[in-house]
Amino acid sequence: MSQPLQIFMEYRLKGDKVKEYEAHMKVTLLKKLEDYEASEIEWFEAADQEHLYVEMFKVPTMAHYESMKEKRRDADHPVFGKLNEFVDGGMKKVHCWAFVQKT
């Protein structure tokens, strides 16, 4: 079995949407990630760049990553699409990367 992938997602928010975004993340979005087999979910706000947020989590396969990336950038998705109104520049500005751990 292959090792899990570390996923890194990064985006900048519109300044007037921070509180609404944070509420959506806490109540809905972070919990929804588990439905897609995400684990070790972490969520960060940049200390040195205003309104910049990062999510990190693991998924079991590259297929999971590709599916997640597609859904997370879909403005019509019922949960993830809500970010479209929060992210400065919309969903096309949600940056996603997958990493394999090196030993």
PDB file of N, CA and C in Angstrom:
ATOM      1  N   MET A   1       0.835  -1.187   0.000  1.00  0.00           N
ATOM      2  CA  MET A   1       0.000   0.000   0.000  1.00  0.00           C
ATOM      3  C   MET A   1       0.878   1.248   0.000  1.00  0.00           C
ATOM      4  N   SER A   2       0.494   2.238  -0.768  1.00  0.00           N
ATOM      5  CA  SER A   2       1.288   3.458  -0.836  1.00  0.00           C
ATOM      6  C   SER A   2       1.069   4.316   0.403  1.00  0.00           C
ATOM      7  N   GLN A   3       2.016   5.200   0.635  1.00  0.00           N
ATOM      8  CA  GLN A   3       1.912   6.064   1.809  1.00  0.00           C
ATOM      9  C   GLN A   3       0.927   7.202   1.548  1.00  0.00           C
ATOM     10  N   PRO A   4       0.339   7.734   2.608  1.00  0.00           N
ATOM     11  CA  PRO A   4      -0.599   8.859   2.447  1.00  0.00           C
ATOM     12  C   PRO A   4       0.107  10.083   1.881  1.00  0.00           C
ATOM     13  N   LEU A   5      -0.658  10.947   1.261  1.00  0.00           N
ATOM     14  CA  LEU A   5      -0.142  12.199   0.724  1.00  0.00           C
ATOM     15  C   LEU A   5      -0.455  13.332   1.694  1.00  0.00           C
ATOM     16  N   GLN A   6       0.497  14.219   1.877  1.00  0.00           N
ATOM     17  CA  GLN A   6       0.279  15.430   2.671  1.00  0.00           C
ATOM     18  C   GLN A   6      -0.250  16.488   1.718  1.00  0.00           C
ATOM     19  N   ILE A   7      -1.426  17.022   2.007  1.00  0.00           N
ATOM     20  CA  ILE A   7      -2.043  18.040   1.163  1.00  0.00           C
ATOM     21  C   ILE A   7      -1.873  19.403   1.821  1.00  0.00           C
ATOM     22  N   PHE A   8      -1.562  20.367   0.996  1.00  0.00           N
ATOM     23  CA  PHE A   8      -1.344  21.739   1.432  1.00  0.00           C
ATOM     24  C   PHE A   8      -2.241  22.617   0.571  1.00  0.00           C
ATOM     25  N   MET A   9      -3.140  23.376   1.196  1.00  0.00           N
ATOM     26  CA  MET A   9      -4.024  24.289   0.472  1.00  0.00           C
ATOM     27  C   MET A   9      -3.805  25.691   1.038  1.00  0.00           C
ATOM     28  N   GLU A  10      -3.736  26.675   0.138  1.00  0.00           N
ATOM     29  CA  GLU A  10      -3.424  28.041   0.560  1.00  0.00           C
ATOM     30  C   GLU A  10      -4.282  29.012  -0.232  1.00  0.00           C
ATOM     31  N   TYR A  11      -4.749  30.056   0.463  1.00  0.00           N
ATOM     32  CA  TYR A  11      -5.567  31.084  -0.179  1.00  0.00           C
ATOM     33  C   TYR A  11      -5.620  32.323   0.707  1.00  0.00           C
ATOM     34  N   ARG A  12      -5.931  33.439   0.073  1.00  0.00           N
ATOM     35  CA  ARG A  12      -6.059  34.718   0.787  1.00  0.00           C
ATOM     36  C   ARG A  12      -7.534  35.116   0.763  1.00  0.00           C
ATOM     37  N   LEU A  13      -8.013  35.609   1.898  1.00  0.00           N
ATOM     38  CA  LEU A  13      -9.418  36.001   2.021  1.00  0.00           C
ATOM     39  C   LEU A  13      -9.626  37.483   1.715  1.00  0.00           C
ATOM     40  N   LYS A  14     -10.853  37.788   1.351  1.00  0.00           N
ATOM     41  CA  LYS A  14     -11.283  39.179   1.298  1.00  0.00           C
ATOM     42  C   LYS A  14     -11.360  39.653   2.750  1.00  0.00           C
ATOM     43  N   GLY A  15     -10.850  40.827   3.037  1.00  0.00           N
ATOM     44  CA  GLY A  15     -10.768  41.323   4.407  1.00  0.00           C
ATOM     45  C   GLY A  15     -12.093  41.406   5.136  1.00  0.00           C
ATOM     46  N   ASP A  16     -13.162  41.682   4.411  1.00  0.00           N
ATOM     47  CA  ASP A  16     -14.464  41.833   5.059  1.00  0.00           C
ATOM     48  C   ASP A  16     -15.192  40.507   5.249  1.00  0.00           C
ATOM     49  N   LYS A  17     -14.564  39.390   4.889  1.00  0.00           N
ATOM     50  CA  LYS A  17     -15.212  38.075   4.959  1.00  0.00           C
ATOM     51  C   LYS A  17     -14.583  37.145   5.986  1.00  0.00           C
ATOM     52  N   VAL A  18     -13.605  37.629   6.750  1.00  0.00           N
ATOM     53  CA  VAL A  18     -12.843  36.766   7.654  1.00  0.00           C
ATOM     54  C   VAL A  18     -13.733  36.091   8.695  1.00  0.00           C
ATOM     55  N   LYS A  19     -14.567  36.832   9.375  1.00  0.00           N
ATOM     56  CA  LYS A  19     -15.399  36.236  10.430  1.00  0.00           C
ATOM     57  C   LYS A  19     -16.367  35.200   9.868  1.00  0.00           C
ATOM     58  N   GLU A  20     -16.998  35.522   8.760  1.00  0.00           N
ATOM     59  CA  GLU A  20     -17.937  34.586   8.140  1.00  0.00           C
ATOM     60  C   GLU A  20     -17.205  33.317   7.676  1.00  0.00           C
ATOM     61  N   TYR A  21     -16.037  33.504   7.078  1.00  0.00           N
ATOM     62  CA  TYR A  21     -15.211  32.374   6.640  1.00  0.00           C
ATOM     63  C   TYR A  21     -14.838  31.482   7.819  1.00  0.00           C
ATOM     64  N   GLU A  22     -14.333  32.090   8.898  1.00  0.00           N
ATOM     65  CA  GLU A  22     -13.899  31.293  10.044  1.00  0.00           C
ATOM     66  C   GLU A  22     -15.059  30.501  10.646  1.00  0.00           C
ATOM     67  N   ALA A  23     -16.230  31.080  10.687  1.00  0.00           N
ATOM     68  CA  ALA A  23     -17.403  30.361  11.194  1.00  0.00           C
ATOM     69  C   ALA A  23     -17.729  29.175  10.289  1.00  0.00           C
ATOM     70  N   HIS A  24     -17.688  29.381   8.976  1.00  0.00           N
ATOM     71  CA  HIS A  24     -17.968  28.300   8.015  1.00  0.00           C
ATOM     72  C   HIS A  24     -16.943  27.168   8.162  1.00  0.00           C
ATOM     73  N   MET A  25     -15.696  27.530   8.337  1.00  0.00           N
ATOM     74  CA  MET A  25     -14.653  26.514   8.495  1.00  0.00           C
ATOM     75  C   MET A  25     -14.907  25.671   9.738  1.00  0.00           C
ATOM     76  N   LYS A  26     -15.152  26.324  10.870  1.00  0.00           N
ATOM     77  CA  LYS A  26     -15.315  25.624  12.147  1.00  0.00           C
ATOM     78  C   LYS A  26     -16.557  24.744  12.165  1.00  0.00           C
ATOM     79  N   VAL A  27     -17.650  25.237  11.629  1.00  0.00           N
ATOM     80  CA  VAL A  27     -18.925  24.541  11.734  1.00  0.00           C
ATOM     81  C   VAL A  27     -19.099  23.486  10.646  1.00  0.00           C
ATOM     82  N   THR A  28     -18.617  23.762   9.441  1.00  0.00           N
ATOM     83  CA  THR A  28     -18.960  22.906   8.302  1.00  0.00           C
ATOM     84  C   THR A  28     -17.766  22.311   7.563  1.00  0.00           C
ATOM     85  N   LEU A  29     -16.931  23.161   7.003  1.00  0.00           N
ATOM     86  CA  LEU A  29     -15.941  22.685   6.037  1.00  0.00           C
ATOM     87  C   LEU A  29     -14.931  21.707   6.617  1.00  0.00           C
ATOM     88  N   LEU A  30     -14.345  22.004   7.752  1.00  0.00           N
ATOM     89  CA  LEU A  30     -13.324  21.109   8.301  1.00  0.00           C
ATOM     90  C   LEU A  30     -13.900  19.724   8.597  1.00  0.00           C
ATOM     91  N   LYS A  31     -15.137  19.666   9.043  1.00  0.00           N
ATOM     92  CA  LYS A  31     -15.785  18.372   9.298  1.00  0.00           C
ATOM     93  C   LYS A  31     -16.054  17.630   7.996  1.00  0.00           C
ATOM     94  N   LYS A  32     -16.370  18.355   6.940  1.00  0.00           N
ATOM     95  CA  LYS A  32     -16.672  17.746   5.635  1.00  0.00           C
ATOM     96  C   LYS A  32     -15.435  17.063   5.047  1.00  0.00           C
ATOM     97  N   LEU A  33     -14.247  17.552   5.366  1.00  0.00           N
ATOM     98  CA  LEU A  33     -13.026  16.939   4.838  1.00  0.00           C
ATOM     99  C   LEU A  33     -12.938  15.458   5.217  1.00  0.00           C
ATOM    100  N   GLU A  34     -13.420  15.122   6.393  1.00  0.00           N
ATOM    101  CA  GLU A  34     -13.370  13.727   6.845  1.00  0.00           C
ATOM    102  C   GLU A  34     -14.213  12.810   5.972  1.00  0.00           C
ATOM    103  N   ASP A  35     -15.258  13.346   5.345  1.00  0.00           N
ATOM    104  CA  ASP A  35     -16.089  12.553   4.426  1.00  0.00           C
ATOM    105  C   ASP A  35     -15.293  12.092   3.208  1.00  0.00           C
ATOM    106  N   TYR A  36     -14.197  12.777   2.932  1.00  0.00           N
ATOM    107  CA  TYR A  36     -13.332  12.444   1.795  1.00  0.00           C
ATOM    108  C   TYR A  36     -12.051  11.753   2.256  1.00  0.00           C
ATOM    109  N   GLU A  37     -12.108  11.157   3.439  1.00  0.00           N
ATOM    110  CA  GLU A  37     -11.011  10.383   4.026  1.00  0.00           C
ATOM    111  C   GLU A  37      -9.781  11.215   4.355  1.00  0.00           C
ATOM    112  N   ALA A  38      -9.979  12.515   4.563  1.00  0.00           N
ATOM    113  CA  ALA A  38      -8.875  13.355   5.029  1.00  0.00           C
ATOM    114  C   ALA A  38      -8.639  13.069   6.507  1.00  0.00           C
ATOM    115  N   SER A  39      -7.379  13.084   6.898  1.00  0.00           N
ATOM    116  CA  SER A  39      -7.014  12.870   8.294  1.00  0.00           C
ATOM    117  C   SER A  39      -5.937  13.872   8.683  1.00  0.00           C
ATOM    118  N   GLU A  40      -5.657  13.933   9.982  1.00  0.00           N
ATOM    119  CA  GLU A  40      -4.632  14.850  10.509  1.00  0.00           C
ATOM    120  C   GLU A  40      -4.849  16.270   9.986  1.00  0.00           C
ATOM    121  N   ILE A  41      -6.084  16.727  10.058  1.00  0.00           N
ATOM    122  CA  ILE A  41      -6.484  18.028   9.524  1.00  0.00           C
ATOM    123  C   ILE A  41      -5.979  19.149  10.425  1.00  0.00           C
ATOM    124  N   GLU A  42      -5.282  20.104   9.800  1.00  0.00           N
ATOM    125  CA  GLU A  42      -4.779  21.280  10.499  1.00  0.00           C
ATOM    126  C   GLU A  42      -5.160  22.515   9.696  1.00  0.00           C
ATOM    127  N   TRP A  43      -5.369  23.622  10.406  1.00  0.00           N
ATOM    128  CA  TRP A  43      -5.830  24.864   9.782  1.00  0.00           C
ATOM    129  C   TRP A  43      -5.053  26.013  10.412  1.00  0.00           C
ATOM    130  N   PHE A  44      -4.496  26.875   9.573  1.00  0.00           N
ATOM    131  CA  PHE A  44      -3.624  27.947  10.054  1.00  0.00           C
ATOM    132  C   PHE A  44      -3.979  29.293   9.431  1.00  0.00           C
ATOM    133  N   GLU A  45      -3.702  30.334  10.196  1.00  0.00           N
ATOM    134  CA  GLU A  45      -3.741  31.699   9.694  1.00  0.00           C
ATOM    135  C   GLU A  45      -2.307  32.206   9.723  1.00  0.00           C
ATOM    136  N   ALA A  46      -1.860  32.838   8.656  1.00  0.00           N
ATOM    137  CA  ALA A  46      -0.489  33.341   8.598  1.00  0.00           C
ATOM    138  C   ALA A  46      -0.262  34.409   9.655  1.00  0.00           C
ATOM    139  N   ALA A  47       0.876  34.342  10.311  1.00  0.00           N
ATOM    140  CA  ALA A  47       1.240  35.324  11.328  1.00  0.00           C
ATOM    141  C   ALA A  47       1.794  36.598  10.700  1.00  0.00           C
ATOM    142  N   ASP A  48       2.325  36.479   9.480  1.00  0.00           N
ATOM    143  CA  ASP A  48       3.002  37.618   8.871  1.00  0.00           C
ATOM    144  C   ASP A  48       2.374  38.112   7.562  1.00  0.00           C
ATOM    145  N   GLN A  49       1.247  37.500   7.146  1.00  0.00           N
ATOM    146  CA  GLN A  49       0.583  37.932   5.920  1.00  0.00           C
ATOM    147  C   GLN A  49      -0.923  38.008   6.191  1.00  0.00           C
ATOM    148  N   GLU A  50      -1.441  39.196   6.134  1.00  0.00           N
ATOM    149  CA  GLU A  50      -2.842  39.424   6.481  1.00  0.00           C
ATOM    150  C   GLU A  50      -3.799  38.623   5.592  1.00  0.00           C
ATOM    151  N   HIS A  51      -4.728  37.952   6.239  1.00  0.00           N
ATOM    152  CA  HIS A  51      -5.826  37.211   5.596  1.00  0.00           C
ATOM    153  C   HIS A  51      -5.368  36.000   4.786  1.00  0.00           C
ATOM    154  N   LEU A  52      -4.169  35.512   5.022  1.00  0.00           N
ATOM    155  CA  LEU A  52      -3.675  34.313   4.335  1.00  0.00           C
ATOM    156  C   LEU A  52      -3.925  33.099   5.231  1.00  0.00           C
ATOM    157  N   TYR A  53      -4.546  32.075   4.666  1.00  0.00           N
ATOM    158  CA  TYR A  53      -4.880  30.861   5.412  1.00  0.00           C
ATOM    159  C   TYR A  53      -4.321  29.641   4.699  1.00  0.00           C
ATOM    160  N   VAL A  54      -4.015  28.629   5.501  1.00  0.00           N
ATOM    161  CA  VAL A  54      -3.472  27.375   4.997  1.00  0.00           C
ATOM    162  C   VAL A  54      -4.208  26.225   5.684  1.00  0.00           C
ATOM    163  N   GLU A  55      -4.498  25.201   4.909  1.00  0.00           N
ATOM    164  CA  GLU A  55      -5.023  23.951   5.454  1.00  0.00           C
ATOM    165  C   GLU A  55      -4.021  22.863   5.095  1.00  0.00           C
ATOM    166  N   MET A  56      -3.799  21.955   6.032  1.00  0.00           N
ATOM    167  CA  MET A  56      -2.957  20.797   5.763  1.00  0.00           C
ATOM    168  C   MET A  56      -3.690  19.562   6.278  1.00  0.00           C
ATOM    169  N   PHE A  57      -3.638  18.515   5.499  1.00  0.00           N
ATOM    170  CA  PHE A  57      -4.257  17.255   5.895  1.00  0.00           C
ATOM    171  C   PHE A  57      -3.682  16.143   5.039  1.00  0.00           C
ATOM    172  N   LYS A  58      -3.963  14.928   5.419  1.00  0.00           N
ATOM    173  CA  LYS A  58      -3.493  13.775   4.657  1.00  0.00           C
ATOM    174  C   LYS A  58      -4.670  13.076   4.004  1.00  0.00           C
ATOM    175  N   VAL A  59      -4.417  12.530   2.825  1.00  0.00           N
ATOM    176  CA  VAL A  59      -5.376  11.671   2.128  1.00  0.00           C
ATOM    177  C   VAL A  59      -4.644  10.392   1.724  1.00  0.00           C
ATOM    178  N   PRO A  60      -5.394   9.290   1.571  1.00  0.00           N
ATOM    179  CA  PRO A  60      -4.724   8.006   1.346  1.00  0.00           C
ATOM    180  C   PRO A  60      -4.091   7.796  -0.030  1.00  0.00           C
ATOM    181  N   THR A  61      -4.630   8.430  -1.083  1.00  0.00           N
ATOM    182  CA  THR A  61      -4.121   8.150  -2.434  1.00  0.00           C
ATOM    183  C   THR A  61      -4.125   9.403  -3.308  1.00  0.00           C
ATOM    184  N   MET A  62      -3.448   9.313  -4.434  1.00  0.00           N
ATOM    185  CA  MET A  62      -3.446  10.396  -5.405  1.00  0.00           C
ATOM    186  C   MET A  62      -4.855  10.610  -5.961  1.00  0.00           C
ATOM    187  N   ALA A  63      -5.629   9.548  -6.117  1.00  0.00           N
ATOM    188  CA  ALA A  63      -7.011   9.680  -6.587  1.00  0.00           C
ATOM    189  C   ALA A  63      -7.839  10.510  -5.599  1.00  0.00           C
ATOM    190  N   HIS A  64      -7.624  10.300  -4.302  1.00  0.00           N
ATOM    191  CA  HIS A  64      -8.309  11.108  -3.293  1.00  0.00           C
ATOM    192  C   HIS A  64      -7.927  12.582  -3.443  1.00  0.00           C
ATOM    193  N   TYR A  65      -6.639  12.825  -3.648  1.00  0.00           N
ATOM    194  CA  TYR A  65      -6.168  14.197  -3.818  1.00  0.00           C
ATOM    195  C   TYR A  65      -6.802  14.849  -5.037  1.00  0.00           C
ATOM    196  N   GLU A  66      -6.785  14.166  -6.168  1.00  0.00           N
ATOM    197  CA  GLU A  66      -7.342  14.730  -7.401  1.00  0.00           C
ATOM    198  C   GLU A  66      -8.821  15.046  -7.229  1.00  0.00           C
ATOM    199  N   SER A  67      -9.553  14.132  -6.587  1.00  0.00           N
ATOM    200  CA  SER A  67     -10.978  14.354  -6.336  1.00  0.00           C
ATOM    201  C   SER A  67     -11.182  15.550  -5.409  1.00  0.00           C
ATOM    202  N   MET A  68     -10.404  15.598  -4.340  1.00  0.00           N
ATOM    203  CA  MET A  68     -10.510  16.692  -3.381  1.00  0.00           C
ATOM    204  C   MET A  68     -10.170  18.025  -4.044  1.00  0.00           C
ATOM    205  N   LYS A  69      -9.114  18.054  -4.820  1.00  0.00           N
ATOM    206  CA  LYS A  69      -8.696  19.283  -5.485  1.00  0.00           C
ATOM    207  C   LYS A  69      -9.810  19.791  -6.406  1.00  0.00           C
ATOM    208  N   GLU A  70     -10.412  18.890  -7.156  1.00  0.00           N
ATOM    209  CA  GLU A  70     -11.498  19.274  -8.057  1.00  0.00           C
ATOM    210  C   GLU A  70     -12.689  19.847  -7.280  1.00  0.00           C
ATOM    211  N   LYS A  71     -13.080  19.167  -6.211  1.00  0.00           N
ATOM    212  CA  LYS A  71     -14.225  19.618  -5.410  1.00  0.00           C
ATOM    213  C   LYS A  71     -13.922  20.934  -4.693  1.00  0.00           C
ATOM    214  N   ARG A  72     -12.712  21.075  -4.192  1.00  0.00           N
ATOM    215  CA  ARG A  72     -12.353  22.282  -3.437  1.00  0.00           C
ATOM    216  C   ARG A  72     -12.261  23.518  -4.317  1.00  0.00           C
ATOM    217  N   ARG A  73     -12.140  23.326  -5.615  1.00  0.00           N
ATOM    218  CA  ARG A  73     -12.055  24.468  -6.529  1.00  0.00           C
ATOM    219  C   ARG A  73     -13.339  24.661  -7.325  1.00  0.00           C
ATOM    220  N   ASP A  74     -14.397  23.922  -6.956  1.00  0.00           N
ATOM    221  CA  ASP A  74     -15.684  23.970  -7.646  1.00  0.00           C
ATOM    222  C   ASP A  74     -16.612  24.957  -6.926  1.00  0.00           C
ATOM    223  N   ALA A  75     -16.878  26.083  -7.540  1.00  0.00           N
ATOM    224  CA  ALA A  75     -17.729  27.111  -6.926  1.00  0.00           C
ATOM    225  C   ALA A  75     -19.159  26.631  -6.724  1.00  0.00           C
ATOM    226  N   ASP A  76     -19.555  25.559  -7.396  1.00  0.00           N
ATOM    227  CA  ASP A  76     -20.918  25.032  -7.267  1.00  0.00           C
ATOM    228  C   ASP A  76     -21.045  23.943  -6.205  1.00  0.00           C
ATOM    229  N   HIS A  77     -19.939  23.520  -5.614  1.00  0.00           N
ATOM    230  CA  HIS A  77     -20.018  22.483  -4.571  1.00  0.00           C
ATOM    231  C   HIS A  77     -20.779  23.057  -3.382  1.00  0.00           C
ATOM    232  N   PRO A  78     -21.721  22.300  -2.795  1.00  0.00           N
ATOM    233  CA  PRO A  78     -22.572  22.844  -1.732  1.00  0.00           C
ATOM    234  C   PRO A  78     -21.830  23.267  -0.458  1.00  0.00           C
ATOM    235  N   VAL A  79     -20.703  22.677  -0.155  1.00  0.00           N
ATOM    236  CA  VAL A  79     -19.943  23.058   1.046  1.00  0.00           C
ATOM    237  C   VAL A  79     -18.682  23.817   0.666  1.00  0.00           C
ATOM    238  N   PHE A  80     -17.840  23.201  -0.155  1.00  0.00           N
ATOM    239  CA  PHE A  80     -16.568  23.816  -0.509  1.00  0.00           C
ATOM    240  C   PHE A  80     -16.745  25.066  -1.367  1.00  0.00           C
ATOM    241  N   GLY A  81     -17.795  25.108  -2.179  1.00  0.00           N
ATOM    242  CA  GLY A  81     -18.044  26.246  -3.058  1.00  0.00           C
ATOM    243  C   GLY A  81     -18.305  27.545  -2.325  1.00  0.00           C
ATOM    244  N   LYS A  82     -18.685  27.443  -1.066  1.00  0.00           N
ATOM    245  CA  LYS A  82     -18.935  28.638  -0.253  1.00  0.00           C
ATOM    246  C   LYS A  82     -17.675  29.503  -0.162  1.00  0.00           C
ATOM    247  N   LEU A  83     -16.499  28.882  -0.271  1.00  0.00           N
ATOM    248  CA  LEU A  83     -15.249  29.651  -0.227  1.00  0.00           C
ATOM    249  C   LEU A  83     -15.165  30.673  -1.355  1.00  0.00           C
ATOM    250  N   ASN A  84     -15.894  30.438  -2.438  1.00  0.00           N
ATOM    251  CA  ASN A  84     -15.844  31.354  -3.575  1.00  0.00           C
ATOM    252  C   ASN A  84     -16.147  32.789  -3.156  1.00  0.00           C
ATOM    253  N   GLU A  85     -17.062  32.966  -2.207  1.00  0.00           N
ATOM    254  CA  GLU A  85     -17.404  34.317  -1.776  1.00  0.00           C
ATOM    255  C   GLU A  85     -16.420  34.877  -0.748  1.00  0.00           C
ATOM    256  N   PHE A  86     -15.583  34.021  -0.170  1.00  0.00           N
ATOM    257  CA  PHE A  86     -14.628  34.461   0.846  1.00  0.00           C
ATOM    258  C   PHE A  86     -13.229  34.709   0.291  1.00  0.00           C
ATOM    259  N   VAL A  87     -12.819  33.913  -0.691  1.00  0.00           N
ATOM    260  CA  VAL A  87     -11.446  33.962  -1.206  1.00  0.00           C
ATOM    261  C   VAL A  87     -11.274  35.138  -2.163  1.00  0.00           C
ATOM    262  N   ASP A  88     -10.239  35.911  -1.922  1.00  0.00           N
ATOM    263  CA  ASP A  88      -9.903  37.031  -2.791  1.00  0.00           C
ATOM    264  C   ASP A  88      -9.526  36.473  -4.164  1.00  0.00           C
ATOM    265  N   GLY A  89     -10.332  36.764  -5.164  1.00  0.00           N
ATOM    266  CA  GLY A  89     -10.099  36.229  -6.509  1.00  0.00           C
ATOM    267  C   GLY A  89     -10.909  34.985  -6.820  1.00  0.00           C
ATOM    268  N   GLY A  90     -11.672  34.495  -5.843  1.00  0.00           N
ATOM    269  CA  GLY A  90     -12.531  33.334  -6.082  1.00  0.00           C
ATOM    270  C   GLY A  90     -11.781  32.015  -6.060  1.00  0.00           C
ATOM    271  N   MET A  91     -12.477  30.977  -6.436  1.00  0.00           N
ATOM    272  CA  MET A  91     -11.965  29.606  -6.321  1.00  0.00           C
ATOM    273  C   MET A  91     -10.689  29.353  -7.120  1.00  0.00           C
ATOM    274  N   LYS A  92     -10.492  30.074  -8.201  1.00  0.00           N
ATOM    275  CA  LYS A  92      -9.261  29.858  -8.987  1.00  0.00           C
ATOM    276  C   LYS A  92      -8.015  30.254  -8.201  1.00  0.00           C
ATOM    277  N   LYS A  93      -8.198  30.956  -7.087  1.00  0.00           N
ATOM    278  CA  LYS A  93      -7.077  31.369  -6.251  1.00  0.00           C
ATOM    279  C   LYS A  93      -6.858  30.441  -5.056  1.00  0.00           C
ATOM    280  N   VAL A  94      -7.558  29.307  -5.033  1.00  0.00           N
ATOM    281  CA  VAL A  94      -7.305  28.286  -4.011  1.00  0.00           C
ATOM    282  C   VAL A  94      -6.195  27.401  -4.573  1.00  0.00           C
ATOM    283  N   HIS A  95      -5.018  27.474  -3.965  1.00  0.00           N
ATOM    284  CA  HIS A  95      -3.849  26.747  -4.447  1.00  0.00           C
ATOM    285  C   HIS A  95      -3.719  25.427  -3.694  1.00  0.00           C
ATOM    286  N   CYS A  96      -3.495  24.340  -4.439  1.00  0.00           N
ATOM    287  CA  CYS A  96      -3.434  22.999  -3.857  1.00  0.00           C
ATOM    288  C   CYS A  96      -2.153  22.299  -4.297  1.00  0.00           C
ATOM    289  N   TRP A  97      -1.527  21.617  -3.337  1.00  0.00           N
ATOM    290  CA  TRP A  97      -0.352  20.805  -3.624  1.00  0.00           C
ATOM    291  C   TRP A  97      -0.421  19.504  -2.843  1.00  0.00           C
ATOM    292  N   ALA A  98       0.144  18.464  -3.416  1.00  0.00           N
ATOM    293  CA  ALA A  98       0.241  17.168  -2.723  1.00  0.00           C
ATOM    294  C   ALA A  98       1.725  16.817  -2.592  1.00  0.00           C
ATOM    295  N   PHE A  99       2.095  16.323  -1.406  1.00  0.00           N
ATOM    296  CA  PHE A  99       3.479  15.972  -1.138  1.00  0.00           C
ATOM    297  C   PHE A  99       3.584  14.551  -0.609  1.00  0.00           C
ATOM    298  N   VAL A 100       4.677  13.893  -0.968  1.00  0.00           N
ATOM    299  CA  VAL A 100       5.007  12.577  -0.452  1.00  0.00           C
ATOM    300  C   VAL A 100       6.140  12.775   0.547  1.00  0.00           C
ATOM    301  N   GLN A 101       5.991  12.201   1.729  1.00  0.00           N
ATOM    302  CA  GLN A 101       7.016  12.372   2.756  1.00  0.00           C
ATOM    303  C   GLN A 101       8.294  11.628   2.370  1.00  0.00           C
ATOM    304  N   LYS A 102       9.407  12.287   2.559  1.00  0.00           N
ATOM    305  CA  LYS A 102      10.718  11.678   2.315  1.00  0.00           C
ATOM    306  C   LYS A 102      11.333  11.292   3.648  1.00  0.00           C
ATOM    307  N   THR A 103      12.056  10.214   3.655  1.00  0.00           N
ATOM    308  CA  THR A 103      12.696   9.776   4.886  1.00  0.00           C
ATOM    309  C   THR A 103      14.205   9.827   4.748  1.00  0.00           C
TER     310      THR A 103
END
